[in-house]
Amino acid sequence: MADDFRYDVFISHSSKDKAVVRPLAERLRADGLRVWYDDWELQPGDHVFSKIEEGLEHSRILLLCMSAHAFGSDWAQLESQTFRFRDPLNQQRRFIPLRLDATSLKGSLAQFSYINYLPRARKQSYPKLLEACRPPASAVHAKAQVNYGQFEEKAIQLDDAVSIHACDFSSDGGRALSGSGDRTVRVWDAETGRCLRVL
C-alpha cells in the first residue's frame, strides 16, 4: 500500500552527477517529499548494497538520473535498480527517468517517457517532476484518516472570557486557534492558555 512507503522518492544517480543531483534532492525535500539520497542515508560502516536495497524496497518512486556518467561505469548497477519499478503489475510504484544531459538514451530506457532536466529546461521541468513525485491524492487522504485516529482530546483553560465557537490545534499541540462570536480569531498558547494574538 502507498502509505507503507517510508520514502516518496529514491534518487538513483552516478556519484559524478552530485553537483546537479544534490540540489535537486534538497529542493524535493524542501517541497515536502521524503527523499532517499545516499549522502543522507549511508553512514560510515554501513553495508552499502544492503542499505540501497532497503531504500529501494521502502520507496514509492525511483528517480533514475540519466547522464553520460550514469551510462558509463555505474550503468549496470543503476539499471538493475529499475526492474521492480518497471513491473506493470506493481502499480503502487513508479519509475521516472530524469535526463540530465544530451546523451542518447540507452537500451530499454528509450521506450520510457522521461523528464528533460537539461540545464536550460530545469526551471520549467521542476514543477512537472515535483507533481509526478507527489503521493496520489487518495494516498494522502488515507494517511490523513489514519492520523486522525491518533489525535488526543485536549482541554485548555483560556485566560480571556470569550465566547468560542470553533477551535483547532497546531499539529504539535503547542498552539490553538479559536473563532469567537465577536468575529475575532485568536491564537493561544495551548500550555499556558494565554492569548498570543487577536486577529
N, C-alpha and C. Protein backbone atom coordinates (compact mmCIF):
# COMPACT_ATOMS: atom_id res chain seq x y z
N MET A 1 0.84 -1.19 0.00
CA MET A 1 0.00 0.00 0.00
C MET A 1 0.87 1.24 0.00
N ALA A 2 0.33 2.34 -0.55
CA ALA A 2 1.12 3.56 -0.71
C ALA A 2 1.61 4.11 0.61
N ASP A 3 0.80 3.99 1.68
CA ASP A 3 1.23 4.59 2.94
C ASP A 3 2.21 3.70 3.69
N ASP A 4 2.58 2.54 3.12
CA ASP A 4 3.61 1.70 3.72
C ASP A 4 5.01 2.18 3.34
N PHE A 5 5.11 3.08 2.37
CA PHE A 5 6.42 3.52 1.90
C PHE A 5 7.01 4.54 2.87
N ARG A 6 8.27 4.33 3.22
CA ARG A 6 8.98 5.26 4.10
C ARG A 6 9.47 6.47 3.32
N TYR A 7 9.73 6.29 2.03
CA TYR A 7 10.24 7.37 1.18
C TYR A 7 9.31 7.58 0.00
N ASP A 8 9.14 8.84 -0.39
CA ASP A 8 8.41 9.14 -1.62
C ASP A 8 9.30 8.89 -2.83
N VAL A 9 10.57 9.27 -2.73
CA VAL A 9 11.47 9.23 -3.88
C VAL A 9 12.82 8.64 -3.48
N PHE A 10 13.28 7.68 -4.26
CA PHE A 10 14.65 7.16 -4.16
C PHE A 10 15.40 7.73 -5.35
N ILE A 11 16.48 8.46 -5.10
CA ILE A 11 17.24 9.07 -6.19
C ILE A 11 18.44 8.19 -6.52
N SER A 12 18.39 7.61 -7.73
CA SER A 12 19.47 6.78 -8.23
C SER A 12 20.29 7.62 -9.20
N HIS A 13 21.59 7.72 -8.96
CA HIS A 13 22.42 8.61 -9.77
C HIS A 13 23.87 8.15 -9.74
N SER A 14 24.63 8.64 -10.68
CA SER A 14 26.07 8.42 -10.68
C SER A 14 26.70 9.38 -9.67
N SER A 15 27.69 8.91 -8.97
CA SER A 15 28.38 9.78 -8.00
C SER A 15 29.00 11.00 -8.69
N LYS A 16 29.24 10.91 -9.99
CA LYS A 16 29.83 12.03 -10.73
C LYS A 16 28.82 13.13 -11.04
N ASP A 17 27.53 12.88 -10.77
CA ASP A 17 26.48 13.87 -11.04
C ASP A 17 25.99 14.58 -9.78
N LYS A 18 26.71 14.45 -8.68
CA LYS A 18 26.24 15.02 -7.41
C LYS A 18 26.06 16.54 -7.46
N ALA A 19 26.81 17.23 -8.28
CA ALA A 19 26.68 18.69 -8.36
C ALA A 19 25.28 19.10 -8.84
N VAL A 20 24.64 18.24 -9.63
CA VAL A 20 23.28 18.50 -10.10
C VAL A 20 22.26 17.84 -9.17
N VAL A 21 22.57 16.62 -8.75
CA VAL A 21 21.58 15.80 -8.03
C VAL A 21 21.36 16.28 -6.60
N ARG A 22 22.41 16.66 -5.91
CA ARG A 22 22.21 17.08 -4.51
C ARG A 22 21.26 18.28 -4.38
N PRO A 23 21.45 19.37 -5.17
CA PRO A 23 20.49 20.48 -5.08
C PRO A 23 19.06 20.04 -5.42
N LEU A 24 18.92 19.10 -6.34
CA LEU A 24 17.60 18.59 -6.68
C LEU A 24 17.00 17.85 -5.49
N ALA A 25 17.79 17.00 -4.83
CA ALA A 25 17.32 16.26 -3.66
C ALA A 25 16.90 17.23 -2.55
N GLU A 26 17.70 18.27 -2.33
CA GLU A 26 17.38 19.25 -1.30
C GLU A 26 16.08 19.99 -1.63
N ARG A 27 15.89 20.30 -2.90
CA ARG A 27 14.68 21.03 -3.30
C ARG A 27 13.44 20.15 -3.14
N LEU A 28 13.53 18.88 -3.54
CA LEU A 28 12.40 17.97 -3.37
C LEU A 28 12.05 17.81 -1.88
N ARG A 29 13.08 17.70 -1.04
CA ARG A 29 12.84 17.57 0.40
C ARG A 29 12.22 18.85 0.96
N ALA A 30 12.70 20.00 0.51
CA ALA A 30 12.14 21.28 0.97
C ALA A 30 10.68 21.43 0.55
N ASP A 31 10.30 20.77 -0.54
CA ASP A 31 8.91 20.81 -1.01
C ASP A 31 8.06 19.71 -0.39
N GLY A 32 8.55 19.09 0.67
CA GLY A 32 7.73 18.18 1.46
C GLY A 32 7.82 16.71 1.13
N LEU A 33 8.69 16.32 0.22
CA LEU A 33 8.82 14.91 -0.12
C LEU A 33 9.85 14.23 0.78
N ARG A 34 9.62 12.96 1.04
CA ARG A 34 10.57 12.15 1.80
C ARG A 34 11.53 11.53 0.80
N VAL A 35 12.78 11.97 0.84
CA VAL A 35 13.74 11.62 -0.21
C VAL A 35 14.83 10.71 0.34
N TRP A 36 15.10 9.60 -0.38
CA TRP A 36 16.25 8.75 -0.09
C TRP A 36 17.36 9.24 -1.01
N TYR A 37 18.39 9.79 -0.39
CA TYR A 37 19.56 10.27 -1.13
C TYR A 37 20.78 9.72 -0.40
N ASP A 38 21.69 9.10 -1.12
CA ASP A 38 22.76 8.33 -0.48
C ASP A 38 23.57 9.10 0.55
N ASP A 39 23.89 10.36 0.28
CA ASP A 39 24.70 11.13 1.24
C ASP A 39 23.98 11.32 2.57
N TRP A 40 22.65 11.26 2.57
CA TRP A 40 21.87 11.44 3.80
C TRP A 40 21.62 10.11 4.51
N GLU A 41 21.61 9.02 3.77
CA GLU A 41 21.20 7.73 4.33
C GLU A 41 22.35 6.80 4.68
N LEU A 42 23.45 6.90 3.97
CA LEU A 42 24.58 5.98 4.20
C LEU A 42 25.50 6.53 5.28
N GLN A 43 25.75 5.73 6.30
CA GLN A 43 26.62 6.12 7.40
C GLN A 43 27.91 5.30 7.34
N PRO A 44 29.01 5.81 7.93
CA PRO A 44 30.25 5.04 7.95
C PRO A 44 30.01 3.66 8.57
N GLY A 45 30.51 2.64 7.89
CA GLY A 45 30.35 1.28 8.39
C GLY A 45 29.14 0.56 7.84
N ASP A 46 28.23 1.28 7.15
CA ASP A 46 27.05 0.64 6.56
C ASP A 46 27.45 -0.27 5.41
N HIS A 47 26.71 -1.35 5.25
CA HIS A 47 26.86 -2.21 4.07
C HIS A 47 26.08 -1.52 2.95
N VAL A 48 26.79 -0.94 2.01
CA VAL A 48 26.19 -0.06 1.01
C VAL A 48 25.08 -0.76 0.22
N PHE A 49 25.37 -1.95 -0.30
CA PHE A 49 24.38 -2.65 -1.12
C PHE A 49 23.10 -2.92 -0.32
N SER A 50 23.23 -3.35 0.93
CA SER A 50 22.05 -3.64 1.77
C SER A 50 21.23 -2.39 2.03
N LYS A 51 21.91 -1.27 2.30
CA LYS A 51 21.19 -0.01 2.56
C LYS A 51 20.46 0.48 1.30
N ILE A 52 21.09 0.31 0.15
CA ILE A 52 20.44 0.70 -1.10
C ILE A 52 19.21 -0.18 -1.34
N GLU A 53 19.35 -1.48 -1.15
CA GLU A 53 18.21 -2.39 -1.32
C GLU A 53 17.07 -2.04 -0.36
N GLU A 54 17.42 -1.73 0.87
CA GLU A 54 16.40 -1.35 1.85
C GLU A 54 15.69 -0.06 1.43
N GLY A 55 16.47 0.91 0.96
CA GLY A 55 15.88 2.17 0.50
C GLY A 55 14.96 1.96 -0.69
N LEU A 56 15.37 1.13 -1.63
CA LEU A 56 14.53 0.84 -2.80
C LEU A 56 13.24 0.14 -2.38
N GLU A 57 13.34 -0.81 -1.47
CA GLU A 57 12.17 -1.55 -1.02
C GLU A 57 11.12 -0.65 -0.38
N HIS A 58 11.57 0.41 0.28
CA HIS A 58 10.66 1.28 1.02
C HIS A 58 10.38 2.60 0.30
N SER A 59 10.63 2.64 -1.02
CA SER A 59 10.40 3.86 -1.80
C SER A 59 9.27 3.66 -2.80
N ARG A 60 8.47 4.68 -2.97
CA ARG A 60 7.33 4.65 -3.89
C ARG A 60 7.76 4.97 -5.32
N ILE A 61 8.77 5.83 -5.46
CA ILE A 61 9.23 6.26 -6.79
C ILE A 61 10.73 6.09 -6.89
N LEU A 62 11.17 5.57 -8.02
CA LEU A 62 12.59 5.53 -8.35
C LEU A 62 12.83 6.62 -9.37
N LEU A 63 13.62 7.61 -8.99
CA LEU A 63 14.01 8.68 -9.90
C LEU A 63 15.40 8.33 -10.42
N LEU A 64 15.46 7.90 -11.67
CA LEU A 64 16.72 7.48 -12.28
C LEU A 64 17.32 8.65 -13.04
N CYS A 65 18.42 9.18 -12.54
CA CYS A 65 19.10 10.32 -13.15
C CYS A 65 20.03 9.80 -14.25
N MET A 66 19.66 10.07 -15.50
CA MET A 66 20.40 9.55 -16.65
C MET A 66 21.35 10.60 -17.20
N SER A 67 22.59 10.15 -17.45
CA SER A 67 23.62 11.05 -17.97
C SER A 67 24.73 10.21 -18.58
N ALA A 68 25.69 10.89 -19.19
CA ALA A 68 26.87 10.17 -19.71
C ALA A 68 27.58 9.44 -18.58
N HIS A 69 27.64 10.06 -17.40
CA HIS A 69 28.28 9.41 -16.24
C HIS A 69 27.52 8.15 -15.82
N ALA A 70 26.19 8.26 -15.77
CA ALA A 70 25.37 7.12 -15.35
C ALA A 70 25.46 5.97 -16.35
N PHE A 71 25.52 6.31 -17.65
CA PHE A 71 25.60 5.27 -18.66
C PHE A 71 27.00 4.68 -18.77
N GLY A 72 27.94 5.20 -18.02
CA GLY A 72 29.30 4.68 -18.00
C GLY A 72 29.44 3.54 -17.01
N SER A 73 30.38 3.68 -16.10
CA SER A 73 30.73 2.57 -15.20
C SER A 73 29.62 2.21 -14.22
N ASP A 74 28.74 3.14 -13.85
CA ASP A 74 27.68 2.86 -12.88
C ASP A 74 26.44 2.25 -13.53
N TRP A 75 26.40 2.15 -14.86
CA TRP A 75 25.16 1.83 -15.54
C TRP A 75 24.55 0.49 -15.13
N ALA A 76 25.33 -0.57 -15.07
CA ALA A 76 24.77 -1.89 -14.75
C ALA A 76 24.06 -1.86 -13.40
N GLN A 77 24.67 -1.21 -12.42
CA GLN A 77 24.05 -1.12 -11.10
C GLN A 77 22.78 -0.28 -11.14
N LEU A 78 22.83 0.89 -11.81
CA LEU A 78 21.67 1.77 -11.87
C LEU A 78 20.51 1.09 -12.60
N GLU A 79 20.80 0.40 -13.70
CA GLU A 79 19.73 -0.26 -14.45
C GLU A 79 19.11 -1.39 -13.65
N SER A 80 19.91 -2.12 -12.91
CA SER A 80 19.37 -3.24 -12.13
C SER A 80 18.38 -2.77 -11.08
N GLN A 81 18.53 -1.54 -10.62
CA GLN A 81 17.61 -1.00 -9.61
C GLN A 81 16.23 -0.70 -10.19
N THR A 82 16.11 -0.59 -11.50
CA THR A 82 14.86 -0.15 -12.11
C THR A 82 13.82 -1.26 -12.26
N PHE A 83 14.22 -2.53 -12.21
CA PHE A 83 13.31 -3.59 -12.59
C PHE A 83 12.04 -3.65 -11.74
N ARG A 84 12.15 -3.56 -10.42
CA ARG A 84 10.94 -3.66 -9.59
C ARG A 84 9.99 -2.48 -9.82
N PHE A 85 10.52 -1.36 -10.30
CA PHE A 85 9.69 -0.18 -10.53
C PHE A 85 9.09 -0.17 -11.94
N ARG A 86 9.64 -0.99 -12.83
CA ARG A 86 9.12 -1.04 -14.20
C ARG A 86 8.10 -2.15 -14.38
N ASP A 87 7.86 -2.96 -13.38
CA ASP A 87 6.91 -4.07 -13.45
C ASP A 87 5.49 -3.51 -13.56
N PRO A 88 4.78 -3.75 -14.66
CA PRO A 88 3.43 -3.18 -14.81
C PRO A 88 2.44 -3.71 -13.77
N LEU A 89 2.73 -4.84 -13.15
CA LEU A 89 1.85 -5.39 -12.13
C LEU A 89 2.03 -4.70 -10.78
N ASN A 90 3.13 -3.98 -10.63
CA ASN A 90 3.42 -3.29 -9.37
C ASN A 90 2.95 -1.84 -9.50
N GLN A 91 1.65 -1.62 -9.38
CA GLN A 91 1.07 -0.32 -9.68
C GLN A 91 1.29 0.70 -8.57
N GLN A 92 1.73 0.27 -7.40
CA GLN A 92 1.98 1.21 -6.31
C GLN A 92 3.29 1.98 -6.52
N ARG A 93 4.16 1.47 -7.35
CA ARG A 93 5.48 2.09 -7.57
C ARG A 93 5.53 2.75 -8.94
N ARG A 94 6.38 3.79 -9.03
CA ARG A 94 6.58 4.47 -10.30
C ARG A 94 8.06 4.59 -10.59
N PHE A 95 8.36 4.59 -11.86
CA PHE A 95 9.72 4.76 -12.34
C PHE A 95 9.75 6.03 -13.17
N ILE A 96 10.59 6.99 -12.79
CA ILE A 96 10.68 8.25 -13.52
C ILE A 96 12.11 8.46 -13.99
N PRO A 97 12.35 8.35 -15.30
CA PRO A 97 13.67 8.67 -15.83
C PRO A 97 13.83 10.19 -15.91
N LEU A 98 14.97 10.67 -15.47
CA LEU A 98 15.27 12.11 -15.47
C LEU A 98 16.54 12.31 -16.29
N ARG A 99 16.43 13.03 -17.37
CA ARG A 99 17.56 13.20 -18.30
C ARG A 99 18.37 14.43 -17.91
N LEU A 100 19.62 14.21 -17.47
CA LEU A 100 20.47 15.30 -17.00
C LEU A 100 21.31 15.95 -18.10
N ASP A 101 21.56 15.20 -19.17
CA ASP A 101 22.35 15.77 -20.27
C ASP A 101 21.84 15.21 -21.60
N ALA A 102 22.51 15.56 -22.68
CA ALA A 102 22.02 15.22 -24.02
C ALA A 102 22.47 13.85 -24.51
N THR A 103 23.07 13.05 -23.65
CA THR A 103 23.50 11.71 -24.04
C THR A 103 22.30 10.89 -24.51
N SER A 104 22.47 10.12 -25.58
CA SER A 104 21.38 9.28 -26.10
C SER A 104 20.96 8.27 -25.04
N LEU A 105 19.65 8.01 -24.99
CA LEU A 105 19.13 7.05 -24.02
C LEU A 105 19.60 5.65 -24.38
N LYS A 106 19.83 4.86 -23.37
CA LYS A 106 20.45 3.57 -23.55
C LYS A 106 19.44 2.44 -23.38
N GLY A 107 19.54 1.44 -24.25
CA GLY A 107 18.80 0.19 -24.10
C GLY A 107 17.30 0.37 -23.97
N SER A 108 16.73 -0.37 -23.03
CA SER A 108 15.27 -0.39 -22.85
C SER A 108 14.72 0.93 -22.34
N LEU A 109 15.56 1.81 -21.84
CA LEU A 109 15.07 3.09 -21.33
C LEU A 109 14.52 4.00 -22.42
N ALA A 110 14.93 3.76 -23.66
CA ALA A 110 14.47 4.60 -24.77
C ALA A 110 12.95 4.53 -24.94
N GLN A 111 12.31 3.47 -24.44
CA GLN A 111 10.86 3.33 -24.60
C GLN A 111 10.05 4.09 -23.54
N PHE A 112 10.72 4.63 -22.52
CA PHE A 112 10.02 5.31 -21.43
C PHE A 112 10.01 6.82 -21.64
N SER A 113 8.88 7.42 -21.30
CA SER A 113 8.78 8.87 -21.29
C SER A 113 9.65 9.39 -20.14
N TYR A 114 10.41 10.43 -20.41
CA TYR A 114 11.32 10.96 -19.39
C TYR A 114 11.04 12.44 -19.16
N ILE A 115 11.63 12.96 -18.08
CA ILE A 115 11.56 14.40 -17.82
C ILE A 115 12.90 14.99 -18.22
N ASN A 116 12.83 16.02 -19.04
CA ASN A 116 14.03 16.70 -19.52
C ASN A 116 14.54 17.62 -18.40
N TYR A 117 15.71 17.31 -17.86
CA TYR A 117 16.29 18.14 -16.79
C TYR A 117 17.65 18.67 -17.23
N LEU A 118 17.78 18.92 -18.53
CA LEU A 118 18.98 19.58 -19.04
C LEU A 118 19.00 21.00 -18.48
N PRO A 119 20.17 21.61 -18.36
CA PRO A 119 20.27 22.92 -17.71
C PRO A 119 19.27 23.96 -18.18
N ARG A 120 19.04 24.06 -19.47
CA ARG A 120 18.14 25.11 -19.96
C ARG A 120 16.67 24.80 -19.69
N ALA A 121 16.35 23.56 -19.33
CA ALA A 121 14.95 23.16 -19.13
C ALA A 121 14.57 22.99 -17.66
N ARG A 122 15.53 23.12 -16.76
CA ARG A 122 15.27 22.78 -15.35
C ARG A 122 14.18 23.62 -14.70
N LYS A 123 14.17 24.91 -14.98
CA LYS A 123 13.18 25.77 -14.35
C LYS A 123 11.76 25.36 -14.74
N GLN A 124 11.56 25.02 -16.01
CA GLN A 124 10.24 24.62 -16.47
C GLN A 124 9.91 23.18 -16.09
N SER A 125 10.93 22.33 -15.97
CA SER A 125 10.70 20.91 -15.71
C SER A 125 10.48 20.58 -14.24
N TYR A 126 11.00 21.40 -13.35
CA TYR A 126 10.90 21.04 -11.93
C TYR A 126 9.45 20.90 -11.45
N PRO A 127 8.53 21.82 -11.78
CA PRO A 127 7.14 21.63 -11.32
C PRO A 127 6.53 20.31 -11.80
N LYS A 128 6.86 19.91 -13.04
CA LYS A 128 6.36 18.64 -13.58
C LYS A 128 6.94 17.47 -12.78
N LEU A 129 8.21 17.54 -12.47
CA LEU A 129 8.86 16.49 -11.67
C LEU A 129 8.25 16.42 -10.27
N LEU A 130 8.08 17.55 -9.64
CA LEU A 130 7.50 17.59 -8.29
C LEU A 130 6.11 16.98 -8.28
N GLU A 131 5.30 17.35 -9.25
CA GLU A 131 3.93 16.80 -9.33
C GLU A 131 3.96 15.29 -9.54
N ALA A 132 4.86 14.81 -10.37
CA ALA A 132 4.97 13.37 -10.63
C ALA A 132 5.41 12.60 -9.39
N CYS A 133 6.15 13.26 -8.51
CA CYS A 133 6.68 12.59 -7.31
C CYS A 133 5.75 12.67 -6.11
N ARG A 134 4.77 13.55 -6.15
CA ARG A 134 3.85 13.68 -5.01
C ARG A 134 3.00 12.43 -4.87
N PRO A 135 2.64 12.07 -3.63
CA PRO A 135 1.76 10.91 -3.45
C PRO A 135 0.40 11.18 -4.09
N PRO A 136 -0.27 10.13 -4.58
CA PRO A 136 -1.61 10.32 -5.12
C PRO A 136 -2.54 10.88 -4.06
N ALA A 137 -3.53 11.65 -4.48
CA ALA A 137 -4.45 12.28 -3.54
C ALA A 137 -5.14 11.25 -2.65
N SER A 138 -5.46 10.08 -3.19
CA SER A 138 -6.12 9.05 -2.39
C SER A 138 -5.21 8.56 -1.28
N ALA A 139 -3.90 8.48 -1.54
CA ALA A 139 -2.96 8.03 -0.52
C ALA A 139 -2.84 9.08 0.58
N VAL A 140 -2.84 10.36 0.20
CA VAL A 140 -2.77 11.43 1.19
C VAL A 140 -4.02 11.41 2.06
N HIS A 141 -5.20 11.21 1.42
CA HIS A 141 -6.45 11.17 2.16
C HIS A 141 -6.47 9.98 3.13
N ALA A 142 -6.01 8.81 2.66
CA ALA A 142 -5.98 7.63 3.52
C ALA A 142 -5.05 7.86 4.70
N LYS A 143 -3.90 8.50 4.46
CA LYS A 143 -2.96 8.76 5.54
C LYS A 143 -3.57 9.73 6.55
N ALA A 144 -4.29 10.73 6.06
CA ALA A 144 -4.93 11.69 6.95
C ALA A 144 -5.96 10.99 7.83
N GLN A 145 -6.70 10.02 7.25
CA GLN A 145 -7.67 9.29 8.05
C GLN A 145 -7.00 8.47 9.14
N VAL A 146 -5.87 7.84 8.81
CA VAL A 146 -5.14 7.07 9.81
C VAL A 146 -4.64 7.98 10.91
N ASN A 147 -4.07 9.11 10.54
CA ASN A 147 -3.54 10.04 11.54
C ASN A 147 -4.64 10.65 12.40
N TYR A 148 -5.84 10.80 11.84
CA TYR A 148 -6.93 11.39 12.58
C TYR A 148 -7.21 10.58 13.85
N GLY A 149 -7.12 9.26 13.74
CA GLY A 149 -7.37 8.40 14.89
C GLY A 149 -6.31 8.52 15.97
N GLN A 150 -5.20 9.16 15.68
CA GLN A 150 -4.11 9.27 16.64
C GLN A 150 -4.19 10.53 17.48
N PHE A 151 -5.15 11.42 17.21
CA PHE A 151 -5.26 12.65 17.97
C PHE A 151 -5.81 12.35 19.36
N GLU A 152 -5.36 13.12 20.33
CA GLU A 152 -5.87 13.01 21.69
C GLU A 152 -6.80 14.17 21.96
N GLU A 153 -7.78 13.92 22.81
CA GLU A 153 -8.65 15.01 23.24
C GLU A 153 -7.87 15.87 24.23
N LYS A 154 -8.00 17.18 24.09
CA LYS A 154 -7.24 18.08 24.94
C LYS A 154 -8.12 19.24 25.37
N ALA A 155 -8.11 19.56 26.65
CA ALA A 155 -8.86 20.71 27.16
C ALA A 155 -7.86 21.71 27.72
N ILE A 156 -8.10 22.99 27.43
CA ILE A 156 -7.23 24.03 27.98
C ILE A 156 -8.09 25.09 28.65
N GLN A 157 -7.53 25.71 29.65
CA GLN A 157 -8.19 26.82 30.34
C GLN A 157 -7.66 28.11 29.74
N LEU A 158 -8.56 28.92 29.14
CA LEU A 158 -8.14 30.13 28.47
C LEU A 158 -8.24 31.32 29.41
N ASP A 159 -7.33 32.29 29.26
CA ASP A 159 -7.28 33.41 30.21
C ASP A 159 -8.26 34.53 29.90
N ASP A 160 -8.86 34.56 28.73
CA ASP A 160 -9.84 35.59 28.38
C ASP A 160 -11.24 35.00 28.45
N ALA A 161 -12.19 35.77 28.87
CA ALA A 161 -13.58 35.33 28.90
C ALA A 161 -14.21 35.66 27.56
N VAL A 162 -14.09 34.76 26.60
CA VAL A 162 -14.64 34.96 25.27
C VAL A 162 -15.55 33.80 24.93
N SER A 163 -16.48 34.05 24.05
CA SER A 163 -17.40 33.02 23.59
C SER A 163 -16.78 32.36 22.36
N ILE A 164 -16.23 31.17 22.53
CA ILE A 164 -15.54 30.49 21.43
C ILE A 164 -16.53 29.59 20.70
N HIS A 165 -16.56 29.75 19.36
CA HIS A 165 -17.44 28.93 18.53
C HIS A 165 -16.70 27.78 17.86
N ALA A 166 -15.41 27.93 17.63
CA ALA A 166 -14.62 26.88 16.99
C ALA A 166 -13.18 26.98 17.46
N CYS A 167 -12.53 25.83 17.52
CA CYS A 167 -11.14 25.80 17.98
C CYS A 167 -10.41 24.67 17.27
N ASP A 168 -9.14 24.90 16.96
CA ASP A 168 -8.31 23.86 16.35
C ASP A 168 -6.90 24.01 16.91
N PHE A 169 -6.17 22.90 16.95
CA PHE A 169 -4.81 22.89 17.49
C PHE A 169 -3.79 22.70 16.37
N SER A 170 -2.59 23.24 16.59
CA SER A 170 -1.49 23.01 15.65
C SER A 170 -1.12 21.53 15.72
N SER A 171 -0.39 21.03 14.70
CA SER A 171 -0.06 19.61 14.64
C SER A 171 0.77 19.16 15.84
N ASP A 172 1.56 20.06 16.43
CA ASP A 172 2.35 19.68 17.59
C ASP A 172 1.62 19.90 18.91
N GLY A 173 0.40 20.45 18.85
CA GLY A 173 -0.39 20.68 20.06
C GLY A 173 0.04 21.88 20.87
N GLY A 174 0.99 22.65 20.40
CA GLY A 174 1.52 23.78 21.15
C GLY A 174 0.71 25.07 21.03
N ARG A 175 -0.06 25.19 19.95
CA ARG A 175 -0.85 26.39 19.71
C ARG A 175 -2.29 26.00 19.43
N ALA A 176 -3.20 26.91 19.72
CA ALA A 176 -4.61 26.71 19.39
C ALA A 176 -5.10 27.95 18.67
N LEU A 177 -6.06 27.76 17.79
CA LEU A 177 -6.66 28.85 17.03
C LEU A 177 -8.16 28.80 17.31
N SER A 178 -8.74 29.93 17.71
CA SER A 178 -10.17 29.93 18.03
C SER A 178 -10.89 31.01 17.24
N GLY A 179 -12.16 30.73 16.93
CA GLY A 179 -13.04 31.70 16.32
C GLY A 179 -14.13 32.05 17.32
N SER A 180 -14.42 33.34 17.48
CA SER A 180 -15.34 33.80 18.52
C SER A 180 -16.56 34.50 17.95
N GLY A 181 -17.56 34.65 18.83
CA GLY A 181 -18.81 35.32 18.45
C GLY A 181 -18.62 36.78 18.09
N ASP A 182 -17.55 37.39 18.57
CA ASP A 182 -17.31 38.80 18.25
C ASP A 182 -16.54 38.96 16.93
N ARG A 183 -16.50 37.90 16.13
CA ARG A 183 -15.86 37.88 14.80
C ARG A 183 -14.35 38.08 14.86
N THR A 184 -13.73 37.61 15.92
CA THR A 184 -12.28 37.67 16.02
C THR A 184 -11.72 36.25 16.01
N VAL A 185 -10.49 36.17 15.61
CA VAL A 185 -9.75 34.92 15.66
C VAL A 185 -8.60 35.14 16.62
N ARG A 186 -8.39 34.18 17.52
CA ARG A 186 -7.32 34.31 18.50
C ARG A 186 -6.36 33.14 18.39
N VAL A 187 -5.07 33.44 18.60
CA VAL A 187 -4.03 32.42 18.66
C VAL A 187 -3.66 32.26 20.12
N TRP A 188 -3.67 31.03 20.61
CA TRP A 188 -3.43 30.74 22.02
C TRP A 188 -2.20 29.87 22.21
N ASP A 189 -1.53 30.05 23.34
CA ASP A 189 -0.51 29.11 23.78
C ASP A 189 -1.27 27.99 24.49
N ALA A 190 -1.24 26.78 23.95
CA ALA A 190 -2.05 25.69 24.47
C ALA A 190 -1.60 25.22 25.85
N GLU A 191 -0.35 25.45 26.19
CA GLU A 191 0.14 25.02 27.52
C GLU A 191 -0.30 25.98 28.62
N THR A 192 -0.18 27.27 28.36
CA THR A 192 -0.47 28.25 29.41
C THR A 192 -1.89 28.80 29.32
N GLY A 193 -2.55 28.69 28.17
CA GLY A 193 -3.88 29.25 28.00
C GLY A 193 -3.87 30.74 27.72
N ARG A 194 -2.67 31.32 27.50
CA ARG A 194 -2.56 32.76 27.24
C ARG A 194 -2.87 33.06 25.78
N CYS A 195 -3.60 34.14 25.56
CA CYS A 195 -3.88 34.62 24.21
C CYS A 195 -2.61 35.30 23.69
N LEU A 196 -2.12 34.83 22.55
CA LEU A 196 -0.89 35.39 21.97
C LEU A 196 -1.18 36.49 20.95
N ARG A 197 -2.33 36.39 20.26
CA ARG A 197 -2.63 37.35 19.22
C ARG A 197 -4.12 37.35 18.93
N VAL A 198 -4.68 38.52 18.66
CA VAL A 198 -6.07 38.66 18.23
C VAL A 198 -6.05 39.16 16.80
N LEU A 199 -6.74 38.46 15.93
CA LEU A 199 -6.76 38.81 14.50
C LEU A 199 -8.13 39.32 14.09
